[in-house]
Amino acid sequence: MNDFSNIIDGVFLELGFEIVKLDEIKLYRYKENYYKMTYISDFRAYVIEFANNFKDAQNNVFEDGDTYLVDLDVDQFIKKLRADLIKYYC
């Protein structure tokens, strides 16, 4: 899953997100919103979770967003993640 972590980082950074750490948890910040990608092994997928502000992120109040299957071809995974970030999260 480490390869996917690097791929995910690259897509977020490419779109202008900043990687930040909060209590050793990697988050992506865009404007005042915070995002994290959580791997769910039972579904073999990542889910994007988001908090609308720093206080919610500190309190671990994240809403679930879209899911991204790791069974997809890597190019499809990147394309779907990039398109969703642009459409819903930027």
C-alpha atoms as a PDB file:
ATOM      1  CA  MET A   1       0.000   0.000   0.000  1.00  0.00           C
ATOM      2  CA  ASN A   2       3.037   2.221   0.319  1.00  0.00           C
ATOM      3  CA  ASP A   3       3.103   2.678  -3.477  1.00  0.00           C
ATOM      4  CA  PHE A   4      -0.484   3.919  -3.353  1.00  0.00           C
ATOM      5  CA  SER A   5       0.410   6.286  -0.532  1.00  0.00           C
ATOM      6  CA  ASN A   6       3.075   7.870  -2.735  1.00  0.00           C
ATOM      7  CA  ILE A   7       0.674   8.039  -5.675  1.00  0.00           C
ATOM      8  CA  ILE A   8      -1.999   9.673  -3.508  1.00  0.00           C
ATOM      9  CA  ASP A   9       0.508  12.206  -2.167  1.00  0.00           C
ATOM     10  CA  GLY A  10       1.521  13.086  -5.705  1.00  0.00           C
ATOM     11  CA  VAL A  11      -2.030  13.730  -6.867  1.00  0.00           C
ATOM     12  CA  PHE A  12      -2.860  15.905  -3.859  1.00  0.00           C
ATOM     13  CA  LEU A  13       0.373  17.904  -4.198  1.00  0.00           C
ATOM     14  CA  GLU A  14      -0.125  18.337  -7.945  1.00  0.00           C
ATOM     15  CA  LEU A  15      -3.502  19.968  -7.248  1.00  0.00           C
ATOM     16  CA  GLY A  16      -2.116  22.410  -4.700  1.00  0.00           C
ATOM     17  CA  PHE A  17      -2.895  20.605  -1.441  1.00  0.00           C
ATOM     18  CA  GLU A  18      -0.371  20.825   1.382  1.00  0.00           C
ATOM     19  CA  ILE A  19       0.646  17.784   3.420  1.00  0.00           C
ATOM     20  CA  VAL A  20       0.419  18.465   7.151  1.00  0.00           C
ATOM     21  CA  LYS A  21       0.755  16.281  10.258  1.00  0.00           C
ATOM     22  CA  LEU A  22      -1.712  16.372  13.127  1.00  0.00           C
ATOM     23  CA  ASP A  23      -0.862  14.030  16.008  1.00  0.00           C
ATOM     24  CA  GLU A  24       1.290  11.973  13.612  1.00  0.00           C
ATOM     25  CA  ILE A  25      -1.625  11.555  11.177  1.00  0.00           C
ATOM     26  CA  LYS A  26      -0.959  12.670   7.620  1.00  0.00           C
ATOM     27  CA  LEU A  27      -3.561  15.137   6.385  1.00  0.00           C
ATOM     28  CA  TYR A  28      -3.927  17.147   3.230  1.00  0.00           C
ATOM     29  CA  ARG A  29      -4.930  20.789   3.607  1.00  0.00           C
ATOM     30  CA  TYR A  30      -6.620  22.874   0.956  1.00  0.00           C
ATOM     31  CA  LYS A  31      -7.672  26.342   2.045  1.00  0.00           C
ATOM     32  CA  GLU A  32      -9.418  25.826   5.422  1.00  0.00           C
ATOM     33  CA  ASN A  33     -10.392  22.182   4.759  1.00  0.00           C
ATOM     34  CA  TYR A  34      -8.523  19.065   5.874  1.00  0.00           C
ATOM     35  CA  TYR A  35      -8.576  15.638   4.203  1.00  0.00           C
ATOM     36  CA  LYS A  36      -7.203  12.209   4.945  1.00  0.00           C
ATOM     37  CA  MET A  37      -7.104   8.984   2.995  1.00  0.00           C
ATOM     38  CA  THR A  38      -7.878   5.871   5.022  1.00  0.00           C
ATOM     39  CA  TYR A  39      -7.304   2.364   3.714  1.00  0.00           C
ATOM     40  CA  ILE A  40     -10.150  -0.081   4.421  1.00  0.00           C
ATOM     41  CA  SER A  41      -8.695  -3.568   3.980  1.00  0.00           C
ATOM     42  CA  ASP A  42     -12.079  -5.339   3.942  1.00  0.00           C
ATOM     43  CA  PHE A  43     -13.033  -3.325   0.845  1.00  0.00           C
ATOM     44  CA  ARG A  44      -9.524  -3.092  -0.642  1.00  0.00           C
ATOM     45  CA  ALA A  45     -10.138   0.597  -1.042  1.00  0.00           C
ATOM     46  CA  TYR A  46      -9.155   4.018   0.201  1.00  0.00           C
ATOM     47  CA  VAL A  47     -11.812   6.397   1.424  1.00  0.00           C
ATOM     48  CA  ILE A  48     -11.329  10.133   1.436  1.00  0.00           C
ATOM     49  CA  GLU A  49     -12.447  11.772   4.662  1.00  0.00           C
ATOM     50  CA  PHE A  50     -12.794  15.504   5.158  1.00  0.00           C
ATOM     51  CA  ALA A  51     -13.125  18.072   7.923  1.00  0.00           C
ATOM     52  CA  ASN A  52     -14.349  21.589   7.211  1.00  0.00           C
ATOM     53  CA  ASN A  53     -11.857  23.306   9.522  1.00  0.00           C
ATOM     54  CA  PHE A  54      -8.830  22.781  11.760  1.00  0.00           C
ATOM     55  CA  LYS A  55     -10.898  22.415  14.934  1.00  0.00           C
ATOM     56  CA  ASP A  56     -12.914  19.547  13.407  1.00  0.00           C
ATOM     57  CA  ALA A  57      -9.682  17.925  12.216  1.00  0.00           C
ATOM     58  CA  GLN A  58      -8.192  18.247  15.735  1.00  0.00           C
ATOM     59  CA  ASN A  59     -11.319  16.613  17.180  1.00  0.00           C
ATOM     60  CA  ASN A  60     -11.243  13.883  14.495  1.00  0.00           C
ATOM     61  CA  VAL A  61     -14.624  14.979  13.121  1.00  0.00           C
ATOM     62  CA  PHE A  62     -14.243  13.801   9.532  1.00  0.00           C
ATOM     63  CA  GLU A  63     -17.040  13.030   7.087  1.00  0.00           C
ATOM     64  CA  ASP A  64     -16.677  10.095   4.687  1.00  0.00           C
ATOM     65  CA  GLY A  65     -16.378  10.902   1.025  1.00  0.00           C
ATOM     66  CA  ASP A  66     -15.619   8.862  -2.057  1.00  0.00           C
ATOM     67  CA  THR A  67     -13.928   5.461  -2.184  1.00  0.00           C
ATOM     68  CA  TYR A  68     -11.084   4.401  -4.457  1.00  0.00           C
ATOM     69  CA  LEU A  69     -10.543   0.700  -5.128  1.00  0.00           C
ATOM     70  CA  VAL A  70      -6.953  -0.469  -5.205  1.00  0.00           C
ATOM     71  CA  ASP A  71      -7.976  -3.221  -7.629  1.00  0.00           C
ATOM     72  CA  LEU A  72      -8.274  -0.574 -10.337  1.00  0.00           C
ATOM     73  CA  ASP A  73      -5.465  -0.103 -12.792  1.00  0.00           C
ATOM     74  CA  VAL A  74      -3.097   2.500 -11.294  1.00  0.00           C
ATOM     75  CA  ASP A  75      -3.827   4.957 -14.111  1.00  0.00           C
ATOM     76  CA  GLN A  76      -7.585   4.597 -13.511  1.00  0.00           C
ATOM     77  CA  PHE A  77      -7.079   5.091  -9.772  1.00  0.00           C
ATOM     78  CA  ILE A  78      -5.125   8.312 -10.388  1.00  0.00           C
ATOM     79  CA  LYS A  79      -7.613   9.570 -12.968  1.00  0.00           C
ATOM     80  CA  LYS A  80     -10.612   8.973 -10.689  1.00  0.00           C
ATOM     81  CA  LEU A  81      -8.928  10.508  -7.635  1.00  0.00           C
ATOM     82  CA  ARG A  82      -7.765  13.581  -9.579  1.00  0.00           C
ATOM     83  CA  ALA A  83     -11.178  14.117 -11.198  1.00  0.00           C
ATOM     84  CA  ASP A  84     -13.023  13.793  -7.874  1.00  0.00           C
ATOM     85  CA  LEU A  85     -10.630  16.142  -6.071  1.00  0.00           C
ATOM     86  CA  ILE A  86     -11.094  18.784  -8.760  1.00  0.00           C
ATOM     87  CA  LYS A  87     -14.872  18.362  -8.927  1.00  0.00           C
ATOM     88  CA  TYR A  88     -15.736  18.042  -5.225  1.00  0.00           C
ATOM     89  CA  TYR A  89     -12.855  19.078  -3.011  1.00  0.00           C
ATOM     90  CA  CYS A  90     -10.950  21.965  -4.638  1.00  0.00           C
END
